[in-house]
Amino acid sequence: MSAEVATNVSFENVVVVYGGTSAEREVSLKSGAAVLEALQRKGVNASGYDPRDNGLVGLEQLAPSVVFVALHGRGGEDGTLQGALELLDIAYTGSGVLASALGMDKQRTKQVWSAVGLPTPESIMLDEAADWSAVVAQLGLPLIVKPVHEGSTLGISIVKSQAALEAAYREAAQFDARVMAERFIVGEEYTVALLGDQVLPAIRVEVPGGFYDYEAKYIANTTQYHLPCGLSSEHEAELAVLCQQAFAAIGGAGWGRVDVMRDNDGRFWLLEVNTVPGMTDHSLVPQSAAHAGISFDDLVLKILQTAGGQ
């Protein structure tokens, strides 16, 4: 879908929804505040709303003509808010119910990608009764353990020994009842932002510690974001097409971000999709947009203009 104004959507009363009650609340508050300020600088009649206290009732009382979804994590990025807005007949930014729910579920996203022939690392679901030695035998070491329904790398661990696997599972289980182990791809990490039918320049992420965790994403200033990413034009075009296919496979709309690894043989592997990416000063989508000549304020306005296109 093109990042153009949806003719059937009124922007007379825009409400930015952010905060919420998920583990990503603090990041969402920063994203939402940045989005709100950008919209107001653009002359849009916009206000902010944190549903933590008064939920949907409070949002409905504001009578928004359109909602800019800046609510990360469960309750905002997983299809529940989108479904409620559909029932209330309120236009909103980003992906619809199905794509939001799929995108929030890393394991089912991978199943969809595998079903349509897109490359994604092998994974196994874990539980208390898991055979840890069998997991290691199948996926090898090191491997990644992650909560299925969390973002911002919350609860994720790199496991380098079988002895550390059960502890990593218990750490992830603090964030989610569903936990997965995934084959670890040795290589370079890339992230690709999509805005309507436009693929923004890929970013290569380099972390001194080798792990792009919560601190590296939102706190540390040592993480390096390479723009241009260093790929040849041919390989960056290949990556762009792959990410478009990955986003389309889950039914993504409006805008999003796809995270990818490139192994030492030059093969790309899809990790996950973000249907409500971060919009903080450390976030990747604004960096990619800036490299493409799109200011933060213009980026926010373009995202708003995709509302109602689910």
C-alpha atoms as a PDB file:
ATOM      1  CA  MET A   1       0.000   0.000   0.000  1.00  0.00           C
ATOM      2  CA  SER A   2       1.257   3.472  -0.772  1.00  0.00           C
ATOM      3  CA  ALA A   3       2.074   5.939   1.993  1.00  0.00           C
ATOM      4  CA  GLU A   4      -0.561   8.397   0.792  1.00  0.00           C
ATOM      5  CA  VAL A   5      -3.435  10.073   2.601  1.00  0.00           C
ATOM      6  CA  ALA A   6      -6.371   7.702   3.048  1.00  0.00           C
ATOM      7  CA  THR A   7      -9.251   9.714   1.604  1.00  0.00           C
ATOM      8  CA  ASN A   8     -11.826   8.164   3.908  1.00  0.00           C
ATOM      9  CA  VAL A   9      -9.954   9.050   7.104  1.00  0.00           C
ATOM     10  CA  SER A  10     -10.364  12.356   8.935  1.00  0.00           C
ATOM     11  CA  PHE A  11      -7.362  13.762  10.785  1.00  0.00           C
ATOM     12  CA  GLU A  12      -9.394  16.331  12.720  1.00  0.00           C
ATOM     13  CA  ASN A  13      -8.794  14.679  16.100  1.00  0.00           C
ATOM     14  CA  VAL A  14      -5.726  12.453  16.237  1.00  0.00           C
ATOM     15  CA  VAL A  15      -4.999  10.592  19.477  1.00  0.00           C
ATOM     16  CA  VAL A  16      -1.566   9.061  20.040  1.00  0.00           C
ATOM     17  CA  VAL A  17      -1.972   5.989  22.230  1.00  0.00           C
ATOM     18  CA  TYR A  18       1.147   5.102  24.212  1.00  0.00           C
ATOM     19  CA  GLY A  19       2.316   3.803  27.586  1.00  0.00           C
ATOM     20  CA  GLY A  20       0.016   0.952  28.559  1.00  0.00           C
ATOM     21  CA  THR A  21       0.855  -1.877  30.923  1.00  0.00           C
ATOM     22  CA  SER A  22       3.249  -4.122  28.991  1.00  0.00           C
ATOM     23  CA  ALA A  23       6.888  -4.721  29.866  1.00  0.00           C
ATOM     24  CA  GLU A  24       7.724  -2.198  27.128  1.00  0.00           C
ATOM     25  CA  ARG A  25       5.834   0.648  28.810  1.00  0.00           C
ATOM     26  CA  GLU A  26       8.853   2.915  29.301  1.00  0.00           C
ATOM     27  CA  VAL A  27       9.926   2.633  25.670  1.00  0.00           C
ATOM     28  CA  SER A  28       6.345   3.248  24.542  1.00  0.00           C
ATOM     29  CA  LEU A  29       6.107   6.407  26.629  1.00  0.00           C
ATOM     30  CA  LYS A  30       9.201   7.773  24.896  1.00  0.00           C
ATOM     31  CA  SER A  31       7.974   6.757  21.442  1.00  0.00           C
ATOM     32  CA  GLY A  32       4.539   8.243  21.985  1.00  0.00           C
ATOM     33  CA  ALA A  33       5.862  11.523  23.341  1.00  0.00           C
ATOM     34  CA  ALA A  34       8.168  11.912  20.323  1.00  0.00           C
ATOM     35  CA  VAL A  35       5.336  11.108  17.901  1.00  0.00           C
ATOM     36  CA  LEU A  36       2.929  13.514  19.609  1.00  0.00           C
ATOM     37  CA  GLU A  37       5.414  16.376  19.532  1.00  0.00           C
ATOM     38  CA  ALA A  38       6.138  15.731  15.851  1.00  0.00           C
ATOM     39  CA  LEU A  39       2.449  15.761  14.914  1.00  0.00           C
ATOM     40  CA  GLN A  40       1.880  18.979  16.817  1.00  0.00           C
ATOM     41  CA  ARG A  41       4.869  20.597  15.092  1.00  0.00           C
ATOM     42  CA  LYS A  42       3.246  19.611  11.797  1.00  0.00           C
ATOM     43  CA  GLY A  43       0.086  21.434  12.797  1.00  0.00           C
ATOM     44  CA  VAL A  44      -1.977  18.301  13.392  1.00  0.00           C
ATOM     45  CA  ASN A  45      -4.647  18.515  16.092  1.00  0.00           C
ATOM     46  CA  ALA A  46      -3.214  15.713  18.222  1.00  0.00           C
ATOM     47  CA  SER A  47      -3.337  14.680  21.860  1.00  0.00           C
ATOM     48  CA  GLY A  48      -1.840  11.801  23.805  1.00  0.00           C
ATOM     49  CA  TYR A  49      -3.558   9.058  25.765  1.00  0.00           C
ATOM     50  CA  ASP A  50      -2.149   6.430  28.130  1.00  0.00           C
ATOM     51  CA  PRO A  51      -4.703   3.617  28.537  1.00  0.00           C
ATOM     52  CA  ARG A  52      -3.138   2.291  31.735  1.00  0.00           C
ATOM     53  CA  ASP A  53      -5.731   3.899  34.015  1.00  0.00           C
ATOM     54  CA  ASN A  54      -8.991   4.249  32.081  1.00  0.00           C
ATOM     55  CA  GLY A  55      -8.523   1.792  29.224  1.00  0.00           C
ATOM     56  CA  LEU A  56     -10.773   1.885  26.193  1.00  0.00           C
ATOM     57  CA  VAL A  57     -13.466   3.871  27.993  1.00  0.00           C
ATOM     58  CA  GLY A  58     -11.152   6.823  28.395  1.00  0.00           C
ATOM     59  CA  LEU A  59     -10.007   6.557  24.786  1.00  0.00           C
ATOM     60  CA  GLU A  60     -13.559   6.461  23.454  1.00  0.00           C
ATOM     61  CA  GLN A  61     -14.421   9.559  25.489  1.00  0.00           C
ATOM     62  CA  LEU A  62     -11.771  11.474  23.524  1.00  0.00           C
ATOM     63  CA  ALA A  63     -13.706  10.657  20.321  1.00  0.00           C
ATOM     64  CA  PRO A  64     -10.639  10.250  18.108  1.00  0.00           C
ATOM     65  CA  SER A  65     -11.063  10.396  14.351  1.00  0.00           C
ATOM     66  CA  VAL A  66      -7.868   8.355  14.056  1.00  0.00           C
ATOM     67  CA  VAL A  67      -5.507   6.676  16.526  1.00  0.00           C
ATOM     68  CA  PHE A  68      -1.742   6.699  16.062  1.00  0.00           C
ATOM     69  CA  VAL A  69      -0.687   3.446  17.720  1.00  0.00           C
ATOM     70  CA  ALA A  70       2.581   3.911  19.628  1.00  0.00           C
ATOM     71  CA  LEU A  71       1.756   1.233  22.179  1.00  0.00           C
ATOM     72  CA  HIS A  72       4.514  -1.392  22.167  1.00  0.00           C
ATOM     73  CA  GLY A  73       4.112  -4.941  23.402  1.00  0.00           C
ATOM     74  CA  ARG A  74       1.057  -6.804  24.558  1.00  0.00           C
ATOM     75  CA  GLY A  75      -2.152  -4.839  24.686  1.00  0.00           C
ATOM     76  CA  GLY A  76      -1.102  -2.557  21.853  1.00  0.00           C
ATOM     77  CA  GLU A  77       0.989  -4.435  19.325  1.00  0.00           C
ATOM     78  CA  ASP A  78      -0.705  -7.836  19.496  1.00  0.00           C
ATOM     79  CA  GLY A  79      -4.018  -7.169  17.775  1.00  0.00           C
ATOM     80  CA  THR A  80      -6.120  -6.522  20.876  1.00  0.00           C
ATOM     81  CA  LEU A  81      -6.134  -2.740  20.555  1.00  0.00           C
ATOM     82  CA  GLN A  82      -6.570  -3.044  16.806  1.00  0.00           C
ATOM     83  CA  GLY A  83      -9.614  -5.281  17.273  1.00  0.00           C
ATOM     84  CA  ALA A  84     -11.162  -2.854  19.732  1.00  0.00           C
ATOM     85  CA  LEU A  85     -10.620   0.055  17.340  1.00  0.00           C
ATOM     86  CA  GLU A  86     -12.230  -1.962  14.551  1.00  0.00           C
ATOM     87  CA  LEU A  87     -15.308  -2.515  16.729  1.00  0.00           C
ATOM     88  CA  LEU A  88     -15.410   1.185  17.581  1.00  0.00           C
ATOM     89  CA  ASP A  89     -15.015   2.062  13.877  1.00  0.00           C
ATOM     90  CA  ILE A  90     -11.934   4.200  14.573  1.00  0.00           C
ATOM     91  CA  ALA A  91      -9.166   4.344  11.971  1.00  0.00           C
ATOM     92  CA  TYR A  92      -5.645   3.573  13.205  1.00  0.00           C
ATOM     93  CA  THR A  93      -2.061   3.359  12.021  1.00  0.00           C
ATOM     94  CA  GLY A  94      -0.134   0.185  11.355  1.00  0.00           C
ATOM     95  CA  SER A  95      -1.125  -3.394  10.760  1.00  0.00           C
ATOM     96  CA  GLY A  96      -4.556  -4.892  11.300  1.00  0.00           C
ATOM     97  CA  VAL A  97      -5.702  -7.487  13.806  1.00  0.00           C
ATOM     98  CA  LEU A  98      -4.281 -10.614  12.172  1.00  0.00           C
ATOM     99  CA  ALA A  99      -0.888  -9.183  11.222  1.00  0.00           C
ATOM    100  CA  SER A 100      -0.481  -7.557  14.638  1.00  0.00           C
ATOM    101  CA  ALA A 101      -1.275 -10.812  16.438  1.00  0.00           C
ATOM    102  CA  LEU A 102       1.040 -12.811  14.183  1.00  0.00           C
ATOM    103  CA  GLY A 103       3.844 -10.295  14.398  1.00  0.00           C
ATOM    104  CA  MET A 104       3.736 -10.384  18.189  1.00  0.00           C
ATOM    105  CA  ASP A 105       4.025 -14.191  18.173  1.00  0.00           C
ATOM    106  CA  LYS A 106       7.571 -14.955  17.065  1.00  0.00           C
ATOM    107  CA  GLN A 107       6.998 -18.689  16.727  1.00  0.00           C
ATOM    108  CA  ARG A 108       3.866 -18.462  14.585  1.00  0.00           C
ATOM    109  CA  THR A 109       5.480 -15.751  12.458  1.00  0.00           C
ATOM    110  CA  LYS A 110       8.300 -18.190  11.755  1.00  0.00           C
ATOM    111  CA  GLN A 111       5.801 -20.924  10.924  1.00  0.00           C
ATOM    112  CA  VAL A 112       4.121 -18.661   8.356  1.00  0.00           C
ATOM    113  CA  TRP A 113       7.470 -17.709   6.840  1.00  0.00           C
ATOM    114  CA  SER A 114       8.528 -21.350   6.629  1.00  0.00           C
ATOM    115  CA  ALA A 115       5.198 -22.292   5.044  1.00  0.00           C
ATOM    116  CA  VAL A 116       5.750 -19.834   2.182  1.00  0.00           C
ATOM    117  CA  GLY A 117       9.393 -20.784   1.744  1.00  0.00           C
ATOM    118  CA  LEU A 118      11.080 -17.824   3.410  1.00  0.00           C
ATOM    119  CA  PRO A 119      14.323 -18.499   5.337  1.00  0.00           C
ATOM    120  CA  THR A 120      14.150 -18.341   9.133  1.00  0.00           C
ATOM    121  CA  PRO A 121      16.311 -20.142  11.739  1.00  0.00           C
ATOM    122  CA  GLU A 122      15.029 -23.449  13.093  1.00  0.00           C
ATOM    123  CA  SER A 123      13.378 -23.213  16.506  1.00  0.00           C
ATOM    124  CA  ILE A 124      11.866 -25.377  19.250  1.00  0.00           C
ATOM    125  CA  MET A 125       9.245 -24.548  21.871  1.00  0.00           C
ATOM    126  CA  LEU A 126      10.429 -25.048  25.464  1.00  0.00           C
ATOM    127  CA  ASP A 127       8.633 -25.944  28.677  1.00  0.00           C
ATOM    128  CA  GLU A 128       9.438 -27.286  32.143  1.00  0.00           C
ATOM    129  CA  ALA A 129       9.643 -30.850  30.801  1.00  0.00           C
ATOM    130  CA  ALA A 130      11.973 -30.038  27.915  1.00  0.00           C
ATOM    131  CA  ASP A 131      14.825 -32.424  27.160  1.00  0.00           C
ATOM    132  CA  TRP A 132      17.658 -29.892  27.312  1.00  0.00           C
ATOM    133  CA  SER A 133      20.219 -32.217  25.758  1.00  0.00           C
ATOM    134  CA  ALA A 134      17.865 -32.928  22.823  1.00  0.00           C
ATOM    135  CA  VAL A 135      17.382 -29.192  22.277  1.00  0.00           C
ATOM    136  CA  VAL A 136      21.132 -28.674  22.106  1.00  0.00           C
ATOM    137  CA  ALA A 137      21.559 -31.682  19.828  1.00  0.00           C
ATOM    138  CA  GLN A 138      18.985 -30.290  17.382  1.00  0.00           C
ATOM    139  CA  LEU A 139      19.884 -26.575  17.399  1.00  0.00           C
ATOM    140  CA  GLY A 140      23.554 -26.658  18.341  1.00  0.00           C
ATOM    141  CA  LEU A 141      25.416 -24.145  20.493  1.00  0.00           C
ATOM    142  CA  PRO A 142      25.287 -21.273  20.976  1.00  0.00           C
ATOM    143  CA  LEU A 143      21.523 -20.864  20.682  1.00  0.00           C
ATOM    144  CA  ILE A 144      18.999 -18.146  21.517  1.00  0.00           C
ATOM    145  CA  VAL A 145      16.243 -18.436  24.116  1.00  0.00           C
ATOM    146  CA  LYS A 146      13.453 -15.869  23.934  1.00  0.00           C
ATOM    147  CA  PRO A 147       9.897 -15.196  25.124  1.00  0.00           C
ATOM    148  CA  VAL A 148       7.500 -15.707  22.219  1.00  0.00           C
ATOM    149  CA  HIS A 149       5.393 -12.605  22.883  1.00  0.00           C
ATOM    150  CA  GLU A 150       7.858  -9.947  24.067  1.00  0.00           C
ATOM    151  CA  GLY A 151       9.706  -7.246  22.153  1.00  0.00           C
ATOM    152  CA  SER A 152      12.721  -5.024  22.832  1.00  0.00           C
ATOM    153  CA  THR A 153      14.781  -8.204  23.443  1.00  0.00           C
ATOM    154  CA  LEU A 154      13.243  -8.523  26.914  1.00  0.00           C
ATOM    155  CA  GLY A 155      14.014 -11.902  28.473  1.00  0.00           C
ATOM    156  CA  ILE A 156      16.325 -13.013  25.662  1.00  0.00           C
ATOM    157  CA  SER A 157      19.549 -14.920  26.359  1.00  0.00           C
ATOM    158  CA  ILE A 158      22.392 -16.307  24.280  1.00  0.00           C
ATOM    159  CA  VAL A 159      23.057 -19.799  25.602  1.00  0.00           C
ATOM    160  CA  LYS A 160      26.589 -21.120  25.165  1.00  0.00           C
ATOM    161  CA  SER A 161      26.340 -24.356  27.160  1.00  0.00           C
ATOM    162  CA  GLN A 162      23.714 -26.976  27.920  1.00  0.00           C
ATOM    163  CA  ALA A 163      24.133 -26.227  31.621  1.00  0.00           C
ATOM    164  CA  ALA A 164      22.951 -22.644  31.042  1.00  0.00           C
ATOM    165  CA  LEU A 165      19.891 -23.603  28.983  1.00  0.00           C
ATOM    166  CA  GLU A 166      17.429 -24.293  31.794  1.00  0.00           C
ATOM    167  CA  ALA A 167      18.329 -21.025  33.578  1.00  0.00           C
ATOM    168  CA  ALA A 168      17.804 -19.126  30.322  1.00  0.00           C
ATOM    169  CA  TYR A 169      14.400 -20.759  29.934  1.00  0.00           C
ATOM    170  CA  ARG A 170      13.389 -19.689  33.444  1.00  0.00           C
ATOM    171  CA  GLU A 171      14.542 -16.127  32.757  1.00  0.00           C
ATOM    172  CA  ALA A 172      12.425 -15.956  29.606  1.00  0.00           C
ATOM    173  CA  ALA A 173       9.466 -17.584  31.374  1.00  0.00           C
ATOM    174  CA  GLN A 174       9.307 -14.614  33.734  1.00  0.00           C
ATOM    175  CA  PHE A 175       8.104 -12.571  30.741  1.00  0.00           C
ATOM    176  CA  ASP A 176       5.920 -15.099  28.933  1.00  0.00           C
ATOM    177  CA  ALA A 177       4.298 -18.496  29.412  1.00  0.00           C
ATOM    178  CA  ARG A 178       5.508 -19.445  25.919  1.00  0.00           C
ATOM    179  CA  VAL A 179       9.273 -19.669  25.403  1.00  0.00           C
ATOM    180  CA  MET A 180      11.255 -20.739  22.367  1.00  0.00           C
ATOM    181  CA  ALA A 181      14.821 -21.724  21.556  1.00  0.00           C
ATOM    182  CA  GLU A 182      16.228 -20.714  18.180  1.00  0.00           C
ATOM    183  CA  ARG A 183      19.313 -21.690  16.233  1.00  0.00           C
ATOM    184  CA  PHE A 184      21.929 -18.971  16.574  1.00  0.00           C
ATOM    185  CA  ILE A 185      23.066 -17.395  13.310  1.00  0.00           C
ATOM    186  CA  VAL A 186      26.677 -16.266  13.348  1.00  0.00           C
ATOM    187  CA  GLY A 187      27.107 -13.205  11.177  1.00  0.00           C
ATOM    188  CA  GLU A 188      25.890  -9.656  10.693  1.00  0.00           C
ATOM    189  CA  GLU A 189      22.593  -8.229  11.930  1.00  0.00           C
ATOM    190  CA  TYR A 190      20.440  -5.999   9.730  1.00  0.00           C
ATOM    191  CA  THR A 191      17.149  -4.257  10.199  1.00  0.00           C
ATOM    192  CA  VAL A 192      14.908  -2.994   7.407  1.00  0.00           C
ATOM    193  CA  ALA A 193      12.086  -0.485   7.806  1.00  0.00           C
ATOM    194  CA  LEU A 194       9.054  -0.455   5.543  1.00  0.00           C
ATOM    195  CA  LEU A 195       6.835   2.579   4.981  1.00  0.00           C
ATOM    196  CA  GLY A 196       3.835   1.870   2.805  1.00  0.00           C
ATOM    197  CA  ASP A 197       5.259   0.332  -0.361  1.00  0.00           C
ATOM    198  CA  GLN A 198       8.670   1.946   0.232  1.00  0.00           C
ATOM    199  CA  VAL A 199      11.621   0.012   1.626  1.00  0.00           C
ATOM    200  CA  LEU A 200      13.902   2.334   3.591  1.00  0.00           C
ATOM    201  CA  PRO A 201      17.696   1.858   3.619  1.00  0.00           C
ATOM    202  CA  ALA A 202      18.898  -1.178   5.558  1.00  0.00           C
ATOM    203  CA  ILE A 203      20.867  -0.631   8.764  1.00  0.00           C
ATOM    204  CA  ARG A 204      23.660  -2.919   9.913  1.00  0.00           C
ATOM    205  CA  VAL A 205      23.718  -3.071  13.706  1.00  0.00           C
ATOM    206  CA  GLU A 206      27.056  -3.590  15.435  1.00  0.00           C
ATOM    207  CA  VAL A 207      27.266  -4.007  19.198  1.00  0.00           C
ATOM    208  CA  PRO A 208      30.646  -4.104  21.005  1.00  0.00           C
ATOM    209  CA  GLY A 209      29.384  -6.914  23.234  1.00  0.00           C
ATOM    210  CA  GLY A 210      27.978  -8.809  20.271  1.00  0.00           C
ATOM    211  CA  PHE A 211      24.374  -8.886  21.542  1.00  0.00           C
ATOM    212  CA  TYR A 212      21.760  -6.297  20.607  1.00  0.00           C
ATOM    213  CA  ASP A 213      19.884  -6.429  23.923  1.00  0.00           C
ATOM    214  CA  TYR A 214      17.622  -3.927  25.704  1.00  0.00           C
ATOM    215  CA  GLU A 215      20.528  -1.827  26.986  1.00  0.00           C
ATOM    216  CA  ALA A 216      22.193  -1.741  23.567  1.00  0.00           C
ATOM    217  CA  LYS A 217      18.886  -0.668  21.989  1.00  0.00           C
ATOM    218  CA  TYR A 218      17.743   2.052  24.357  1.00  0.00           C
ATOM    219  CA  ILE A 219      20.467   3.048  26.817  1.00  0.00           C
ATOM    220  CA  ALA A 220      24.035   2.535  25.600  1.00  0.00           C
ATOM    221  CA  ASN A 221      25.729   4.961  23.250  1.00  0.00           C
ATOM    222  CA  THR A 222      28.301   2.412  22.059  1.00  0.00           C
ATOM    223  CA  THR A 223      26.008   0.580  19.636  1.00  0.00           C
ATOM    224  CA  GLN A 224      26.957   1.377  16.042  1.00  0.00           C
ATOM    225  CA  TYR A 225      24.368   1.779  13.298  1.00  0.00           C
ATOM    226  CA  HIS A 226      25.946   1.534   9.865  1.00  0.00           C
ATOM    227  CA  LEU A 227      24.223   3.630   7.195  1.00  0.00           C
ATOM    228  CA  PRO A 228      24.891   2.806   4.442  1.00  0.00           C
ATOM    229  CA  CYS A 229      24.863  -0.771   5.684  1.00  0.00           C
ATOM    230  CA  GLY A 230      27.880  -1.904   3.677  1.00  0.00           C
ATOM    231  CA  LEU A 231      26.093  -4.398   1.436  1.00  0.00           C
ATOM    232  CA  SER A 232      26.516  -4.240  -2.322  1.00  0.00           C
ATOM    233  CA  SER A 233      23.566  -2.687  -4.145  1.00  0.00           C
ATOM    234  CA  GLU A 234      22.642  -6.155  -5.409  1.00  0.00           C
ATOM    235  CA  HIS A 235      22.612  -7.720  -1.948  1.00  0.00           C
ATOM    236  CA  GLU A 236      20.763  -4.779  -0.385  1.00  0.00           C
ATOM    237  CA  ALA A 237      18.119  -5.097  -3.094  1.00  0.00           C
ATOM    238  CA  GLU A 238      17.878  -8.825  -2.317  1.00  0.00           C
ATOM    239  CA  LEU A 239      17.418  -7.995   1.372  1.00  0.00           C
ATOM    240  CA  ALA A 240      14.752  -5.396   0.579  1.00  0.00           C
ATOM    241  CA  VAL A 241      12.706  -7.873  -1.458  1.00  0.00           C
ATOM    242  CA  LEU A 242      13.018 -10.508   1.273  1.00  0.00           C
ATOM    243  CA  CYS A 243      11.751  -8.090   3.917  1.00  0.00           C
ATOM    244  CA  GLN A 244       8.840  -7.007   1.730  1.00  0.00           C
ATOM    245  CA  GLN A 245       7.924 -10.662   1.273  1.00  0.00           C
ATOM    246  CA  ALA A 246       8.227 -11.312   5.009  1.00  0.00           C
ATOM    247  CA  PHE A 247       5.996  -8.356   5.877  1.00  0.00           C
ATOM    248  CA  ALA A 248       3.440  -9.286   3.226  1.00  0.00           C
ATOM    249  CA  ALA A 249       3.365 -12.907   4.398  1.00  0.00           C
ATOM    250  CA  ILE A 250       1.916 -11.938   7.768  1.00  0.00           C
ATOM    251  CA  GLY A 251      -0.398  -9.349   6.207  1.00  0.00           C
ATOM    252  CA  GLY A 252       1.530  -6.318   7.463  1.00  0.00           C
ATOM    253  CA  ALA A 253       0.310  -2.844   6.507  1.00  0.00           C
ATOM    254  CA  GLY A 254       1.260   0.805   6.874  1.00  0.00           C
ATOM    255  CA  TRP A 255       4.710   0.546   8.355  1.00  0.00           C
ATOM    256  CA  GLY A 256       6.931  -1.908  10.196  1.00  0.00           C
ATOM    257  CA  ARG A 257      10.433  -3.260  10.619  1.00  0.00           C
ATOM    258  CA  VAL A 258      11.971  -6.646   9.858  1.00  0.00           C
ATOM    259  CA  ASP A 259      15.084  -7.936  11.631  1.00  0.00           C
ATOM    260  CA  VAL A 260      17.447 -10.189   9.712  1.00  0.00           C
ATOM    261  CA  MET A 261      20.769 -11.993  10.147  1.00  0.00           C
ATOM    262  CA  ARG A 262      23.255 -12.641   7.342  1.00  0.00           C
ATOM    263  CA  ASP A 263      25.432 -15.675   7.953  1.00  0.00           C
ATOM    264  CA  ASN A 264      29.061 -16.092   7.005  1.00  0.00           C
ATOM    265  CA  ASP A 265      28.018 -17.710   3.708  1.00  0.00           C
ATOM    266  CA  GLY A 266      26.057 -14.591   2.741  1.00  0.00           C
ATOM    267  CA  ARG A 267      22.579 -16.068   3.308  1.00  0.00           C
ATOM    268  CA  PHE A 268      19.851 -13.962   4.909  1.00  0.00           C
ATOM    269  CA  TRP A 269      17.724 -15.349   7.762  1.00  0.00           C
ATOM    270  CA  LEU A 270      14.521 -13.691   8.995  1.00  0.00           C
ATOM    271  CA  LEU A 271      14.325 -13.264  12.764  1.00  0.00           C
ATOM    272  CA  GLU A 272      11.162 -11.304  13.544  1.00  0.00           C
ATOM    273  CA  VAL A 273       8.853  -8.511  12.458  1.00  0.00           C
ATOM    274  CA  ASN A 274       7.877  -5.414  14.407  1.00  0.00           C
ATOM    275  CA  THR A 275       4.462  -3.958  13.577  1.00  0.00           C
ATOM    276  CA  VAL A 276       4.824  -0.997  15.989  1.00  0.00           C
ATOM    277  CA  PRO A 277       8.561  -0.212  15.922  1.00  0.00           C
ATOM    278  CA  GLY A 278      10.160   2.113  18.424  1.00  0.00           C
ATOM    279  CA  MET A 279      10.216   5.836  17.717  1.00  0.00           C
ATOM    280  CA  THR A 280      12.715   6.972  20.371  1.00  0.00           C
ATOM    281  CA  ASP A 281      15.976   8.842  19.839  1.00  0.00           C
ATOM    282  CA  HIS A 282      17.740   5.444  19.712  1.00  0.00           C
ATOM    283  CA  SER A 283      15.214   3.831  17.379  1.00  0.00           C
ATOM    284  CA  LEU A 284      16.061   2.414  13.980  1.00  0.00           C
ATOM    285  CA  VAL A 285      13.160   3.437  11.743  1.00  0.00           C
ATOM    286  CA  PRO A 286      13.787   7.190  12.227  1.00  0.00           C
ATOM    287  CA  GLN A 287      17.503   6.658  11.508  1.00  0.00           C
ATOM    288  CA  SER A 288      16.751   4.808   8.296  1.00  0.00           C
ATOM    289  CA  ALA A 289      14.198   7.422   7.241  1.00  0.00           C
ATOM    290  CA  ALA A 290      16.680  10.247   7.881  1.00  0.00           C
ATOM    291  CA  HIS A 291      19.215   8.504   5.634  1.00  0.00           C
ATOM    292  CA  ALA A 292      16.536   8.444   2.925  1.00  0.00           C
ATOM    293  CA  GLY A 293      15.993  12.184   3.355  1.00  0.00           C
ATOM    294  CA  ILE A 294      12.826  11.922   5.462  1.00  0.00           C
ATOM    295  CA  SER A 295      12.852  14.016   8.647  1.00  0.00           C
ATOM    296  CA  PHE A 296      11.388  12.631  11.850  1.00  0.00           C
ATOM    297  CA  ASP A 297       8.371  14.937  11.622  1.00  0.00           C
ATOM    298  CA  ASP A 298       7.734  13.984   8.000  1.00  0.00           C
ATOM    299  CA  LEU A 299       8.117  10.305   8.860  1.00  0.00           C
ATOM    300  CA  VAL A 300       5.480  10.565  11.592  1.00  0.00           C
ATOM    301  CA  LEU A 301       3.124  12.388   9.230  1.00  0.00           C
ATOM    302  CA  LYS A 302       3.633   9.756   6.516  1.00  0.00           C
ATOM    303  CA  ILE A 303       2.828   6.994   9.005  1.00  0.00           C
ATOM    304  CA  LEU A 304      -0.330   8.852  10.063  1.00  0.00           C
ATOM    305  CA  GLN A 305      -1.336   9.137   6.412  1.00  0.00           C
ATOM    306  CA  THR A 306      -1.363   5.338   6.058  1.00  0.00           C
ATOM    307  CA  ALA A 307      -4.101   5.017   8.726  1.00  0.00           C
ATOM    308  CA  GLY A 308      -7.148   3.075   7.669  1.00  0.00           C
ATOM    309  CA  GLY A 309      -5.308   1.033   5.068  1.00  0.00           C
ATOM    310  CA  GLN A 310      -5.455  -2.310   6.863  1.00  0.00           C
END
